[in-house]
C-alpha atoms as a PDB file:
ATOM      1  CA  MET A   1     -88.237 -11.665 142.697  1.00  0.00           C
ATOM      2  CA  PRO A   2     -85.366 -14.215 142.524  1.00  0.00           C
ATOM      3  CA  THR A   3     -83.889 -15.045 139.143  1.00  0.00           C
ATOM      4  CA  THR A   4     -84.164 -18.682 138.041  1.00  0.00           C
ATOM      5  CA  ARG A   5     -81.095 -20.037 136.255  1.00  0.00           C
ATOM      6  CA  THR A   6     -81.761 -22.532 133.482  1.00  0.00           C
ATOM      7  CA  GLY A   7     -78.146 -23.582 132.812  1.00  0.00           C
ATOM      8  CA  PRO A   8     -74.884 -24.145 134.671  1.00  0.00           C
ATOM      9  CA  HIS A   9     -73.267 -21.257 136.477  1.00  0.00           C
ATOM     10  CA  PRO A  10     -70.649 -19.497 134.254  1.00  0.00           C
ATOM     11  CA  VAL A  11     -67.968 -19.792 136.972  1.00  0.00           C
ATOM     12  CA  ALA A  12     -68.497 -23.562 137.165  1.00  0.00           C
ATOM     13  CA  VAL A  13     -68.218 -23.857 133.376  1.00  0.00           C
ATOM     14  CA  GLY A  14     -64.984 -21.843 133.421  1.00  0.00           C
ATOM     15  CA  ALA A  15     -63.511 -23.977 136.223  1.00  0.00           C
ATOM     16  CA  VAL A  16     -64.311 -27.217 134.371  1.00  0.00           C
ATOM     17  CA  LEU A  17     -62.795 -25.890 131.126  1.00  0.00           C
ATOM     18  CA  LEU A  18     -59.643 -24.806 132.978  1.00  0.00           C
ATOM     19  CA  LEU A  19     -59.323 -28.227 134.622  1.00  0.00           C
ATOM     20  CA  VAL A  20     -59.767 -30.018 131.279  1.00  0.00           C
ATOM     21  CA  ALA A  21     -57.119 -27.771 129.683  1.00  0.00           C
ATOM     22  CA  MET A  22     -54.651 -28.477 132.518  1.00  0.00           C
ATOM     23  CA  ILE A  23     -55.164 -32.249 132.244  1.00  0.00           C
ATOM     24  CA  ALA A  24     -54.784 -32.125 128.462  1.00  0.00           C
ATOM     25  CA  ALA A  25     -51.537 -30.143 128.786  1.00  0.00           C
ATOM     26  CA  ALA A  26     -50.150 -32.603 131.338  1.00  0.00           C
ATOM     27  CA  LEU A  27     -50.988 -35.590 129.154  1.00  0.00           C
ATOM     28  CA  TRP A  28     -49.586 -33.892 126.058  1.00  0.00           C
ATOM     29  CA  ASN A  29     -46.226 -33.273 127.812  1.00  0.00           C
ATOM     30  CA  SER A  30     -45.902 -36.577 129.661  1.00  0.00           C
ATOM     31  CA  ASP A  31     -43.713 -39.574 128.867  1.00  0.00           C
ATOM     32  CA  ALA A  32     -42.950 -42.835 130.668  1.00  0.00           C
ATOM     33  CA  SER A  33     -41.581 -41.022 133.740  1.00  0.00           C
ATOM     34  CA  GLY A  34     -44.578 -38.705 133.916  1.00  0.00           C
ATOM     35  CA  THR A  35     -42.571 -35.513 133.468  1.00  0.00           C
ATOM     36  CA  GLY A  36     -42.201 -34.936 129.754  1.00  0.00           C
ATOM     37  CA  ALA A  37     -38.484 -34.488 130.433  1.00  0.00           C
ATOM     38  CA  ARG A  38     -35.700 -36.155 128.549  1.00  0.00           C
ATOM     39  CA  ASN A  39     -32.183 -36.933 129.715  1.00  0.00           C
ATOM     40  CA  VAL A  40     -30.182 -33.750 129.502  1.00  0.00           C
ATOM     41  CA  GLY A  41     -26.559 -32.926 128.909  1.00  0.00           C
ATOM     42  CA  SER A  42     -25.901 -35.175 125.945  1.00  0.00           C
ATOM     43  CA  THR A  43     -24.459 -33.579 122.836  1.00  0.00           C
ATOM     44  CA  GLU A  44     -25.696 -36.457 120.699  1.00  0.00           C
ATOM     45  CA  ALA A  45     -29.213 -37.648 120.069  1.00  0.00           C
ATOM     46  CA  ALA A  46     -29.740 -40.703 122.226  1.00  0.00           C
ATOM     47  CA  PRO A  47     -30.951 -43.747 120.326  1.00  0.00           C
ATOM     48  CA  ALA A  48     -34.316 -45.183 121.226  1.00  0.00           C
ATOM     49  CA  PRO A  49     -33.847 -47.704 124.017  1.00  0.00           C
ATOM     50  CA  ALA A  50     -34.107 -51.324 122.998  1.00  0.00           C
ATOM     51  CA  PRO A  51     -36.554 -53.406 124.998  1.00  0.00           C
ATOM     52  CA  ALA A  52     -34.840 -55.322 127.785  1.00  0.00           C
ATOM     53  CA  PRO A  53     -34.495 -59.006 126.956  1.00  0.00           C
ATOM     54  CA  ALA A  54     -35.054 -61.663 129.582  1.00  0.00           C
ATOM     55  CA  PRO A  55     -31.770 -62.864 131.120  1.00  0.00           C
ATOM     56  CA  GLY A  56     -29.991 -65.041 128.579  1.00  0.00           C
ATOM     57  CA  ALA A  57     -32.776 -64.546 126.009  1.00  0.00           C
ATOM     58  CA  ALA A  58     -31.087 -62.023 123.691  1.00  0.00           C
ATOM     59  CA  PRO A  59     -31.069 -63.376 120.156  1.00  0.00           C
ATOM     60  CA  PRO A  60     -27.644 -64.217 118.743  1.00  0.00           C
ATOM     61  CA  GLY A  61     -26.025 -61.114 117.295  1.00  0.00           C
ATOM     62  CA  ALA A  62     -28.347 -58.711 119.163  1.00  0.00           C
ATOM     63  CA  THR A  63     -26.850 -55.350 119.964  1.00  0.00           C
ATOM     64  CA  CYS A  64     -27.854 -52.599 122.374  1.00  0.00           C
ATOM     65  CA  ALA A  65     -26.630 -49.047 121.843  1.00  0.00           C
ATOM     66  CA  PRO A  66     -24.171 -47.925 124.531  1.00  0.00           C
ATOM     67  CA  THR A  67     -25.381 -45.315 126.991  1.00  0.00           C
ATOM     68  CA  VAL A  68     -24.166 -41.845 126.032  1.00  0.00           C
ATOM     69  CA  THR A  69     -22.608 -40.309 129.113  1.00  0.00           C
ATOM     70  CA  ASN A  70     -23.657 -36.835 130.230  1.00  0.00           C
ATOM     71  CA  PRO A  71     -20.788 -34.354 130.552  1.00  0.00           C
ATOM     72  CA  GLY A  72     -19.689 -33.241 133.995  1.00  0.00           C
ATOM     73  CA  GLY A  73     -20.758 -36.340 135.914  1.00  0.00           C
ATOM     74  CA  ARG A  74     -17.309 -37.330 137.169  1.00  0.00           C
ATOM     75  CA  ASN A  75     -16.999 -34.211 139.310  1.00  0.00           C
ATOM     76  CA  ASN A  76     -19.868 -35.406 141.544  1.00  0.00           C
ATOM     77  CA  TYR A  77     -19.019 -39.116 141.724  1.00  0.00           C
ATOM     78  CA  ASP A  78     -17.800 -40.216 145.167  1.00  0.00           C
ATOM     79  CA  ASP A  79     -15.410 -43.173 145.227  1.00  0.00           C
ATOM     80  CA  ASP A  80     -16.242 -43.654 148.919  1.00  0.00           C
ATOM     81  CA  ALA A  81     -20.053 -43.616 148.678  1.00  0.00           C
ATOM     82  CA  PRO A  82     -21.656 -45.922 151.239  1.00  0.00           C
ATOM     83  CA  LEU A  83     -22.748 -49.324 149.994  1.00  0.00           C
ATOM     84  CA  ASP A  84     -26.481 -50.067 149.920  1.00  0.00           C
ATOM     85  CA  VAL A  85     -27.734 -47.511 152.458  1.00  0.00           C
ATOM     86  CA  PRO A  86     -31.431 -46.592 152.527  1.00  0.00           C
ATOM     87  CA  LEU A  87     -32.147 -43.043 151.344  1.00  0.00           C
ATOM     88  CA  GLY A  88     -35.800 -42.810 152.356  1.00  0.00           C
ATOM     89  CA  ARG A  89     -39.190 -43.567 150.827  1.00  0.00           C
ATOM     90  CA  GLY A  90     -41.374 -42.152 148.101  1.00  0.00           C
ATOM     91  CA  LEU A  91     -39.212 -42.508 144.986  1.00  0.00           C
ATOM     92  CA  VAL A  92     -37.812 -45.709 143.473  1.00  0.00           C
ATOM     93  CA  ILE A  93     -34.834 -45.406 141.136  1.00  0.00           C
ATOM     94  CA  THR A  94     -34.317 -48.596 139.167  1.00  0.00           C
ATOM     95  CA  GLY A  95     -32.894 -49.851 135.931  1.00  0.00           C
ATOM     96  CA  LEU A  96     -31.176 -52.577 133.961  1.00  0.00           C
ATOM     97  CA  VAL A  97     -27.412 -52.656 133.419  1.00  0.00           C
ATOM     98  CA  ARG A  98     -26.330 -54.637 130.371  1.00  0.00           C
ATOM     99  CA  ASP A  99     -23.573 -54.897 127.795  1.00  0.00           C
ATOM    100  CA  THR A 100     -23.798 -53.994 124.111  1.00  0.00           C
ATOM    101  CA  ALA A 101     -24.823 -57.589 123.325  1.00  0.00           C
ATOM    102  CA  CYS A 102     -27.944 -56.904 125.477  1.00  0.00           C
ATOM    103  CA  ARG A 103     -26.807 -59.343 128.180  1.00  0.00           C
ATOM    104  CA  PRO A 104     -27.610 -58.344 131.783  1.00  0.00           C
ATOM    105  CA  LEU A 105     -24.544 -57.607 133.905  1.00  0.00           C
ATOM    106  CA  PRO A 106     -24.724 -58.976 137.479  1.00  0.00           C
ATOM    107  CA  GLY A 107     -22.603 -57.566 140.310  1.00  0.00           C
ATOM    108  CA  VAL A 108     -21.932 -54.169 138.680  1.00  0.00           C
ATOM    109  CA  PRO A 109     -21.684 -51.208 141.091  1.00  0.00           C
ATOM    110  CA  VAL A 110     -24.141 -48.389 140.355  1.00  0.00           C
ATOM    111  CA  GLN A 111     -24.024 -45.123 142.293  1.00  0.00           C
ATOM    112  CA  VAL A 112     -27.140 -42.975 142.759  1.00  0.00           C
ATOM    113  CA  TRP A 113     -27.309 -39.456 144.208  1.00  0.00           C
ATOM    114  CA  LEU A 114     -29.926 -36.706 144.378  1.00  0.00           C
ATOM    115  CA  GLN A 115     -31.099 -33.617 146.229  1.00  0.00           C
ATOM    116  CA  THR A 116     -34.055 -34.196 148.574  1.00  0.00           C
ATOM    117  CA  ALA A 117     -35.915 -32.031 151.059  1.00  0.00           C
ATOM    118  CA  LEU A 118     -33.896 -33.720 153.806  1.00  0.00           C
ATOM    119  CA  GLY A 119     -30.418 -33.291 152.353  1.00  0.00           C
ATOM    120  CA  SER A 120     -28.023 -32.435 149.575  1.00  0.00           C
ATOM    121  CA  GLU A 121     -26.575 -34.637 146.860  1.00  0.00           C
ATOM    122  CA  ARG A 122     -23.503 -35.192 149.054  1.00  0.00           C
ATOM    123  CA  GLU A 123     -25.704 -36.607 151.848  1.00  0.00           C
ATOM    124  CA  ASN A 124     -28.144 -38.577 149.679  1.00  0.00           C
ATOM    125  CA  ARG A 125     -26.018 -41.088 147.830  1.00  0.00           C
ATOM    126  CA  THR A 126     -25.459 -44.795 147.799  1.00  0.00           C
ATOM    127  CA  THR A 127     -23.795 -47.463 145.710  1.00  0.00           C
ATOM    128  CA  VAL A 128     -25.676 -50.684 144.983  1.00  0.00           C
ATOM    129  CA  LEU A 129     -24.743 -53.820 143.068  1.00  0.00           C
ATOM    130  CA  THR A 130     -26.858 -55.170 140.236  1.00  0.00           C
ATOM    131  CA  GLY A 131     -28.602 -58.473 140.893  1.00  0.00           C
ATOM    132  CA  PRO A 132     -28.285 -61.686 138.875  1.00  0.00           C
ATOM    133  CA  ASP A 133     -30.729 -60.207 136.328  1.00  0.00           C
ATOM    134  CA  GLY A 134     -28.628 -57.023 135.907  1.00  0.00           C
ATOM    135  CA  ARG A 135     -31.182 -54.867 137.713  1.00  0.00           C
ATOM    136  CA  TYR A 136     -30.600 -52.378 140.512  1.00  0.00           C
ATOM    137  CA  ARG A 137     -32.995 -50.542 142.834  1.00  0.00           C
ATOM    138  CA  VAL A 138     -32.636 -47.613 145.215  1.00  0.00           C
ATOM    139  CA  ASP A 139     -35.456 -46.399 147.455  1.00  0.00           C
ATOM    140  CA  THR A 140     -35.189 -42.717 148.333  1.00  0.00           C
ATOM    141  CA  ASP A 141     -37.079 -39.653 149.412  1.00  0.00           C
ATOM    142  CA  PRO A 142     -38.489 -37.677 146.457  1.00  0.00           C
ATOM    143  CA  ALA A 143     -36.137 -35.439 144.489  1.00  0.00           C
ATOM    144  CA  VAL A 144     -36.416 -31.669 144.836  1.00  0.00           C
ATOM    145  CA  ALA A 145     -35.308 -28.963 142.444  1.00  0.00           C
ATOM    146  CA  GLN A 146     -31.657 -28.060 142.396  1.00  0.00           C
ATOM    147  CA  PHE A 147     -30.507 -25.539 139.815  1.00  0.00           C
ATOM    148  CA  GLY A 148     -33.970 -25.367 138.293  1.00  0.00           C
ATOM    149  CA  GLU A 149     -35.296 -28.923 138.113  1.00  0.00           C
ATOM    150  CA  PRO A 150     -35.457 -32.094 140.206  1.00  0.00           C
ATOM    151  CA  ASN A 151     -33.121 -34.784 138.916  1.00  0.00           C
ATOM    152  CA  VAL A 152     -31.396 -37.997 139.875  1.00  0.00           C
ATOM    153  CA  HIS A 153     -27.855 -39.010 138.994  1.00  0.00           C
ATOM    154  CA  VAL A 154     -26.973 -42.593 138.134  1.00  0.00           C
ATOM    155  CA  ALA A 155     -23.403 -43.632 137.375  1.00  0.00           C
ATOM    156  CA  HIS A 156     -20.986 -46.486 136.985  1.00  0.00           C
ATOM    157  CA  ASP A 157     -17.377 -45.387 137.508  1.00  0.00           C
ATOM    158  CA  VAL A 158     -15.031 -47.912 138.997  1.00  0.00           C
ATOM    159  CA  ARG A 159     -11.840 -49.270 137.619  1.00  0.00           C
ATOM    160  CA  GLY A 160     -12.672 -52.585 136.031  1.00  0.00           C
ATOM    161  CA  PRO A 161     -13.921 -54.146 132.845  1.00  0.00           C
ATOM    162  CA  TRP A 162     -16.546 -51.459 132.040  1.00  0.00           C
ATOM    163  CA  ARG A 163     -16.132 -47.852 130.922  1.00  0.00           C
ATOM    164  CA  ALA A 164     -17.510 -45.121 133.206  1.00  0.00           C
ATOM    165  CA  VAL A 165     -20.920 -43.645 132.389  1.00  0.00           C
ATOM    166  CA  PHE A 166     -22.897 -40.821 134.048  1.00  0.00           C
ATOM    167  CA  GLN A 167     -26.561 -40.003 133.615  1.00  0.00           C
ATOM    168  CA  ARG A 168     -28.545 -37.019 134.874  1.00  0.00           C
ATOM    169  CA  HIS A 169     -32.214 -37.979 134.654  1.00  0.00           C
ATOM    170  CA  VAL A 170     -34.802 -35.213 135.090  1.00  0.00           C
ATOM    171  CA  VAL A 171     -37.855 -36.117 137.166  1.00  0.00           C
ATOM    172  CA  ASP A 172     -40.868 -34.316 138.552  1.00  0.00           C
ATOM    173  CA  SER A 173     -41.039 -33.752 142.303  1.00  0.00           C
ATOM    174  CA  GLU A 174     -44.221 -35.871 142.445  1.00  0.00           C
ATOM    175  CA  ASP A 175     -42.727 -38.836 140.553  1.00  0.00           C
ATOM    176  CA  THR A 176     -42.599 -42.139 142.422  1.00  0.00           C
ATOM    177  CA  LEU A 177     -40.495 -44.006 139.838  1.00  0.00           C
ATOM    178  CA  ALA A 178     -37.412 -43.167 137.766  1.00  0.00           C
ATOM    179  CA  VAL A 179     -36.071 -45.803 135.362  1.00  0.00           C
ATOM    180  CA  VAL A 180     -32.467 -45.287 134.271  1.00  0.00           C
ATOM    181  CA  ASP A 181     -31.000 -48.157 132.242  1.00  0.00           C
ATOM    182  CA  LEU A 182     -27.276 -48.316 131.465  1.00  0.00           C
ATOM    183  CA  THR A 183     -25.632 -50.125 128.553  1.00  0.00           C
ATOM    184  CA  LEU A 184     -21.912 -50.417 129.249  1.00  0.00           C
ATOM    185  CA  VAL A 185     -18.987 -50.913 126.903  1.00  0.00           C
ATOM    186  CA  PRO A 186     -15.692 -52.610 127.777  1.00  0.00           C
ATOM    187  CA  SER A 187     -13.061 -50.268 129.206  1.00  0.00           C
ATOM    188  CA  SER A 188     -10.427 -51.395 126.728  1.00  0.00           C
END
């Protein structure tokens, strides 16, 4: 005689509980980029980012904390990186470049490089100029793990009015957006 079950199957209950636990863990560890990761390599605690003001709308006397550079970035910067070349699709790297008075900086070169499934950091790099609103954008294939975790590098390092800065921003391989803002200080 077949047994009649009056409740849910124990395997189904276990699967649902496992799924709920995985979702809860992912939400607990997530942040704006969806990875739970923070910028790495800084020896100082980074200040909380100030909200980006509209172009020309920063109140008088407003200040934005300068970006703390990550150590070791200069060794990977390429002075001859191609200008504004497409790097693929699937991940957008974007951000706002401004000065310490929170004013957007137009025409500033920003270099981006990362490891993807199709090539190394040496092959996947471009330099773009910020627009009139101080923003930059690079479309690329998704980042893949290199030395343990997927990450993107964003830098400004040219001789000119602004001091060099390097950021290594950890992402998740499924991320579709990485926001890396830079606040620059005068070079002298």
